[in-house]
Amino acid sequence: MSKPIDDSRDAACAGCTLATRRSFLQDAAGLVVAALVGIGLDTRTASALPVRLASAERGDGAEVTYPVPSADGVTIDRANDVMIARYQGKVYAFSLACPHQNTALRWLQAEGRFQCPKHKSKYAPDGTFLSGRATRSMDRFALRKDGSTIVVDTDRMYEQDKHPQDWNAAFVAV
């Protein structure tokens, strides 16, 4: 006897559009071009938080180390599923996955915010949920400043709704 199919999850996502490979590549190319153009712009335009790609140095256990960002912007480390964001004098470390259905989030430089390409949930540069289908803010990793580096503990991730005090404290001032 076969089991009935649970369509409730699919029904909740009815009308959502999935990004095609072509649209993903076009968006990625646009982000790269925007980042390159941003290097030569004046300070008013450059404050739109450019995106950078990085790879971290592995430390003890699940700790990964990044240089302290020198200016506001977002650094994406796909290998460790970590995003580092410097915004208004604070540095945050986020999970790359959207808290709604674990889709990789994107940084939209022109809008100055994160967005999920699957269901269009939007987040502020500090990870605060703005709108969309997600039910909470972006997940933050525990981090600390060690000299000129940021050390992220990828084993200690805080969900805003389950660990509000830890989530609110998961940043370093720069």
C-alpha atoms as a PDB file:
ATOM      1  CA  MET A   1       0.000   0.000   0.000  1.00  0.00           C
ATOM      2  CA  SER A   2       1.459   3.358  -0.939  1.00  0.00           C
ATOM      3  CA  LYS A   3       1.684   6.345   1.399  1.00  0.00           C
ATOM      4  CA  PRO A   4      -0.327   9.467   0.585  1.00  0.00           C
ATOM      5  CA  ILE A   5       1.739  12.401  -0.674  1.00  0.00           C
ATOM      6  CA  ASP A   6       1.887  15.430   1.622  1.00  0.00           C
ATOM      7  CA  ASP A   7       1.086  18.374  -0.652  1.00  0.00           C
ATOM      8  CA  SER A   8       0.846  20.915   2.204  1.00  0.00           C
ATOM      9  CA  ARG A   9       4.443  22.121   1.786  1.00  0.00           C
ATOM     10  CA  ASP A  10       4.083  22.385  -1.991  1.00  0.00           C
ATOM     11  CA  ALA A  11       0.771  24.226  -1.581  1.00  0.00           C
ATOM     12  CA  ALA A  12       2.445  26.780   0.707  1.00  0.00           C
ATOM     13  CA  CYS A  13       4.985  27.472  -2.039  1.00  0.00           C
ATOM     14  CA  ALA A  14       2.500  27.642  -4.911  1.00  0.00           C
ATOM     15  CA  GLY A  15       3.260  30.556  -7.173  1.00  0.00           C
ATOM     16  CA  CYS A  16       6.896  30.774  -6.099  1.00  0.00           C
ATOM     17  CA  THR A  17       9.400  30.894  -8.895  1.00  0.00           C
ATOM     18  CA  LEU A  18      12.632  28.994  -8.755  1.00  0.00           C
ATOM     19  CA  ALA A  19      15.668  30.635 -10.240  1.00  0.00           C
ATOM     20  CA  THR A  20      16.785  29.023 -13.460  1.00  0.00           C
ATOM     21  CA  ARG A  21      20.462  28.368 -14.008  1.00  0.00           C
ATOM     22  CA  ARG A  22      20.542  31.135 -16.608  1.00  0.00           C
ATOM     23  CA  SER A  23      18.917  33.717 -14.290  1.00  0.00           C
ATOM     24  CA  PHE A  24      21.255  32.693 -11.464  1.00  0.00           C
ATOM     25  CA  LEU A  25      24.310  33.153 -13.699  1.00  0.00           C
ATOM     26  CA  GLN A  26      22.988  36.500 -14.941  1.00  0.00           C
ATOM     27  CA  ASP A  27      22.442  37.682 -11.343  1.00  0.00           C
ATOM     28  CA  ALA A  28      25.897  36.464 -10.321  1.00  0.00           C
ATOM     29  CA  ALA A  29      27.518  38.220 -13.280  1.00  0.00           C
ATOM     30  CA  GLY A  30      25.614  41.386 -12.412  1.00  0.00           C
ATOM     31  CA  LEU A  31      26.890  41.241  -8.841  1.00  0.00           C
ATOM     32  CA  VAL A  32      30.474  40.821 -10.012  1.00  0.00           C
ATOM     33  CA  VAL A  33      30.154  43.741 -12.415  1.00  0.00           C
ATOM     34  CA  ALA A  34      28.533  45.878  -9.730  1.00  0.00           C
ATOM     35  CA  ALA A  35      31.330  45.046  -7.289  1.00  0.00           C
ATOM     36  CA  LEU A  36      33.992  45.930  -9.858  1.00  0.00           C
ATOM     37  CA  VAL A  37      32.268  49.178 -10.769  1.00  0.00           C
ATOM     38  CA  GLY A  38      31.879  49.969  -7.061  1.00  0.00           C
ATOM     39  CA  ILE A  39      35.647  50.036  -6.597  1.00  0.00           C
ATOM     40  CA  GLY A  40      35.973  53.183  -8.679  1.00  0.00           C
ATOM     41  CA  LEU A  41      32.935  55.074  -7.349  1.00  0.00           C
ATOM     42  CA  ASP A  42      32.861  57.978  -4.914  1.00  0.00           C
ATOM     43  CA  THR A  43      32.233  57.355  -1.190  1.00  0.00           C
ATOM     44  CA  ARG A  44      28.486  58.079  -1.361  1.00  0.00           C
ATOM     45  CA  THR A  45      27.982  55.310  -3.930  1.00  0.00           C
ATOM     46  CA  ALA A  46      30.613  52.962  -2.503  1.00  0.00           C
ATOM     47  CA  SER A  47      28.714  52.892   0.793  1.00  0.00           C
ATOM     48  CA  ALA A  48      26.243  50.510  -0.894  1.00  0.00           C
ATOM     49  CA  LEU A  49      28.126  47.629   0.781  1.00  0.00           C
ATOM     50  CA  PRO A  50      30.138  45.835  -1.909  1.00  0.00           C
ATOM     51  CA  VAL A  51      30.327  42.047  -2.036  1.00  0.00           C
ATOM     52  CA  ARG A  52      33.589  40.083  -1.886  1.00  0.00           C
ATOM     53  CA  LEU A  53      34.413  36.378  -2.110  1.00  0.00           C
ATOM     54  CA  ALA A  54      36.778  34.834   0.422  1.00  0.00           C
ATOM     55  CA  SER A  55      38.107  31.641   1.839  1.00  0.00           C
ATOM     56  CA  ALA A  56      38.851  31.309   5.512  1.00  0.00           C
ATOM     57  CA  GLU A  57      41.799  29.949   7.399  1.00  0.00           C
ATOM     58  CA  ARG A  58      40.832  26.922   9.482  1.00  0.00           C
ATOM     59  CA  GLY A  59      41.560  27.209  13.179  1.00  0.00           C
ATOM     60  CA  ASP A  60      40.758  24.877  16.060  1.00  0.00           C
ATOM     61  CA  GLY A  61      37.824  22.564  15.352  1.00  0.00           C
ATOM     62  CA  ALA A  62      34.988  24.462  13.698  1.00  0.00           C
ATOM     63  CA  GLU A  63      36.625  27.894  13.952  1.00  0.00           C
ATOM     64  CA  VAL A  64      37.368  29.796  10.756  1.00  0.00           C
ATOM     65  CA  THR A  65      39.299  33.060  10.594  1.00  0.00           C
ATOM     66  CA  TYR A  66      38.815  36.077   8.340  1.00  0.00           C
ATOM     67  CA  PRO A  67      40.565  39.444   8.175  1.00  0.00           C
ATOM     68  CA  VAL A  68      38.599  42.238   9.845  1.00  0.00           C
ATOM     69  CA  PRO A  69      36.775  43.928   6.946  1.00  0.00           C
ATOM     70  CA  SER A  70      38.281  47.353   6.308  1.00  0.00           C
ATOM     71  CA  ALA A  71      34.996  48.898   5.135  1.00  0.00           C
ATOM     72  CA  ASP A  72      31.287  48.201   5.086  1.00  0.00           C
ATOM     73  CA  GLY A  73      30.447  45.288   2.801  1.00  0.00           C
ATOM     74  CA  VAL A  74      29.706  41.590   2.581  1.00  0.00           C
ATOM     75  CA  THR A  75      32.235  38.762   2.249  1.00  0.00           C
ATOM     76  CA  ILE A  76      30.936  35.373   1.129  1.00  0.00           C
ATOM     77  CA  ASP A  77      32.797  32.147   1.954  1.00  0.00           C
ATOM     78  CA  ARG A  78      30.938  29.400   0.077  1.00  0.00           C
ATOM     79  CA  ALA A  79      33.307  26.657   1.224  1.00  0.00           C
ATOM     80  CA  ASN A  80      32.292  27.201   4.867  1.00  0.00           C
ATOM     81  CA  ASP A  81      28.717  28.470   4.225  1.00  0.00           C
ATOM     82  CA  VAL A  82      29.530  31.738   6.009  1.00  0.00           C
ATOM     83  CA  MET A  83      28.843  35.365   5.162  1.00  0.00           C
ATOM     84  CA  ILE A  84      30.677  38.154   6.968  1.00  0.00           C
ATOM     85  CA  ALA A  85      28.956  41.547   6.929  1.00  0.00           C
ATOM     86  CA  ARG A  86      30.423  44.800   8.187  1.00  0.00           C
ATOM     87  CA  TYR A  87      27.705  47.381   8.708  1.00  0.00           C
ATOM     88  CA  GLN A  88      27.630  50.599  10.738  1.00  0.00           C
ATOM     89  CA  GLY A  89      30.682  49.772  12.872  1.00  0.00           C
ATOM     90  CA  LYS A  90      29.736  46.151  13.586  1.00  0.00           C
ATOM     91  CA  VAL A  91      30.760  42.821  12.050  1.00  0.00           C
ATOM     92  CA  TYR A  92      28.312  39.896  11.838  1.00  0.00           C
ATOM     93  CA  ALA A  93      28.793  36.284  10.731  1.00  0.00           C
ATOM     94  CA  PHE A  94      25.769  34.658   9.106  1.00  0.00           C
ATOM     95  CA  SER A  95      24.842  31.258   7.801  1.00  0.00           C
ATOM     96  CA  LEU A  96      24.681  31.324   4.013  1.00  0.00           C
ATOM     97  CA  ALA A  97      21.336  29.468   4.147  1.00  0.00           C
ATOM     98  CA  CYS A  98      17.950  31.168   4.351  1.00  0.00           C
ATOM     99  CA  PRO A  99      16.204  30.169   7.592  1.00  0.00           C
ATOM    100  CA  HIS A 100      13.002  29.401   5.659  1.00  0.00           C
ATOM    101  CA  GLN A 101      14.095  26.468   3.477  1.00  0.00           C
ATOM    102  CA  ASN A 102      17.920  26.573   3.479  1.00  0.00           C
ATOM    103  CA  THR A 103      18.314  28.186   0.047  1.00  0.00           C
ATOM    104  CA  ALA A 104      21.594  30.084  -0.373  1.00  0.00           C
ATOM    105  CA  LEU A 105      20.973  33.768   0.287  1.00  0.00           C
ATOM    106  CA  ARG A 106      22.178  36.519  -2.039  1.00  0.00           C
ATOM    107  CA  TRP A 107      23.508  39.970  -1.287  1.00  0.00           C
ATOM    108  CA  LEU A 108      21.753  42.589  -3.428  1.00  0.00           C
ATOM    109  CA  GLN A 109      24.244  45.427  -3.518  1.00  0.00           C
ATOM    110  CA  ALA A 110      21.969  47.950  -5.252  1.00  0.00           C
ATOM    111  CA  GLU A 111      19.277  47.490  -2.580  1.00  0.00           C
ATOM    112  CA  GLY A 112      21.748  47.121   0.306  1.00  0.00           C
ATOM    113  CA  ARG A 113      20.147  43.942   1.668  1.00  0.00           C
ATOM    114  CA  PHE A 114      20.115  40.154   1.574  1.00  0.00           C
ATOM    115  CA  GLN A 115      17.397  38.239  -0.269  1.00  0.00           C
ATOM    116  CA  CYS A 116      16.388  34.626  -0.720  1.00  0.00           C
ATOM    117  CA  PRO A 117      16.091  33.835  -4.450  1.00  0.00           C
ATOM    118  CA  LYS A 118      13.526  31.101  -3.824  1.00  0.00           C
ATOM    119  CA  HIS A 119      10.743  32.878  -1.914  1.00  0.00           C
ATOM    120  CA  LYS A 120      12.026  36.482  -1.926  1.00  0.00           C
ATOM    121  CA  SER A 121      12.434  36.874   1.858  1.00  0.00           C
ATOM    122  CA  LYS A 122      14.362  40.085   2.525  1.00  0.00           C
ATOM    123  CA  TYR A 123      16.864  40.855   5.285  1.00  0.00           C
ATOM    124  CA  ALA A 124      18.688  43.978   6.465  1.00  0.00           C
ATOM    125  CA  PRO A 125      22.532  44.064   6.447  1.00  0.00           C
ATOM    126  CA  ASP A 126      22.495  43.080  10.140  1.00  0.00           C
ATOM    127  CA  GLY A 127      20.420  39.978   9.284  1.00  0.00           C
ATOM    128  CA  THR A 128      17.111  41.299  10.610  1.00  0.00           C
ATOM    129  CA  PHE A 129      14.075  39.882   8.783  1.00  0.00           C
ATOM    130  CA  LEU A 130      12.268  42.552   6.732  1.00  0.00           C
ATOM    131  CA  SER A 131       9.612  40.738   4.680  1.00  0.00           C
ATOM    132  CA  GLY A 132       8.766  37.516   2.847  1.00  0.00           C
ATOM    133  CA  ARG A 133       7.960  33.922   3.776  1.00  0.00           C
ATOM    134  CA  ALA A 134      10.689  33.411   6.354  1.00  0.00           C
ATOM    135  CA  THR A 135       9.550  33.591   9.964  1.00  0.00           C
ATOM    136  CA  ARG A 136      12.756  34.825  11.584  1.00  0.00           C
ATOM    137  CA  SER A 137      15.939  36.758  10.964  1.00  0.00           C
ATOM    138  CA  MET A 138      19.087  35.249   9.417  1.00  0.00           C
ATOM    139  CA  ASP A 139      21.009  32.790  11.597  1.00  0.00           C
ATOM    140  CA  ARG A 140      24.136  34.284  13.194  1.00  0.00           C
ATOM    141  CA  PHE A 141      27.328  32.478  14.182  1.00  0.00           C
ATOM    142  CA  ALA A 142      29.239  33.150  17.387  1.00  0.00           C
ATOM    143  CA  LEU A 143      32.299  35.267  16.624  1.00  0.00           C
ATOM    144  CA  ARG A 144      35.070  37.185  18.311  1.00  0.00           C
ATOM    145  CA  LYS A 145      37.744  39.642  17.307  1.00  0.00           C
ATOM    146  CA  ASP A 146      41.340  38.472  17.708  1.00  0.00           C
ATOM    147  CA  GLY A 147      43.728  41.267  16.756  1.00  0.00           C
ATOM    148  CA  SER A 148      43.203  41.970  13.060  1.00  0.00           C
ATOM    149  CA  THR A 149      41.033  38.902  12.468  1.00  0.00           C
ATOM    150  CA  ILE A 150      37.470  37.769  13.051  1.00  0.00           C
ATOM    151  CA  VAL A 151      37.160  34.212  14.399  1.00  0.00           C
ATOM    152  CA  VAL A 152      33.845  32.498  13.598  1.00  0.00           C
ATOM    153  CA  ASP A 153      32.717  29.370  15.444  1.00  0.00           C
ATOM    154  CA  THR A 154      30.643  27.465  12.885  1.00  0.00           C
ATOM    155  CA  ASP A 155      29.503  25.001  15.567  1.00  0.00           C
ATOM    156  CA  ARG A 156      27.697  27.768  17.484  1.00  0.00           C
ATOM    157  CA  MET A 157      24.863  29.177  15.397  1.00  0.00           C
ATOM    158  CA  TYR A 158      22.063  31.224  16.928  1.00  0.00           C
ATOM    159  CA  GLU A 159      18.498  31.364  15.676  1.00  0.00           C
ATOM    160  CA  GLN A 160      16.792  34.634  16.551  1.00  0.00           C
ATOM    161  CA  ASP A 161      13.590  32.991  17.812  1.00  0.00           C
ATOM    162  CA  LYS A 162      15.287  30.237  19.874  1.00  0.00           C
ATOM    163  CA  HIS A 163      18.330  32.125  21.214  1.00  0.00           C
ATOM    164  CA  PRO A 164      17.340  35.825  21.240  1.00  0.00           C
ATOM    165  CA  GLN A 165      19.981  36.985  23.739  1.00  0.00           C
ATOM    166  CA  ASP A 166      22.817  35.135  21.989  1.00  0.00           C
ATOM    167  CA  TRP A 167      21.546  36.266  18.571  1.00  0.00           C
ATOM    168  CA  ASN A 168      21.464  39.913  19.664  1.00  0.00           C
ATOM    169  CA  ALA A 169      24.991  39.664  21.099  1.00  0.00           C
ATOM    170  CA  ALA A 170      26.512  37.864  18.060  1.00  0.00           C
ATOM    171  CA  PHE A 171      28.571  40.720  16.590  1.00  0.00           C
ATOM    172  CA  VAL A 172      31.841  42.518  17.222  1.00  0.00           C
ATOM    173  CA  ALA A 173      32.388  46.269  17.155  1.00  0.00           C
ATOM    174  CA  VAL A 174      35.090  47.584  14.824  1.00  0.00           C
END
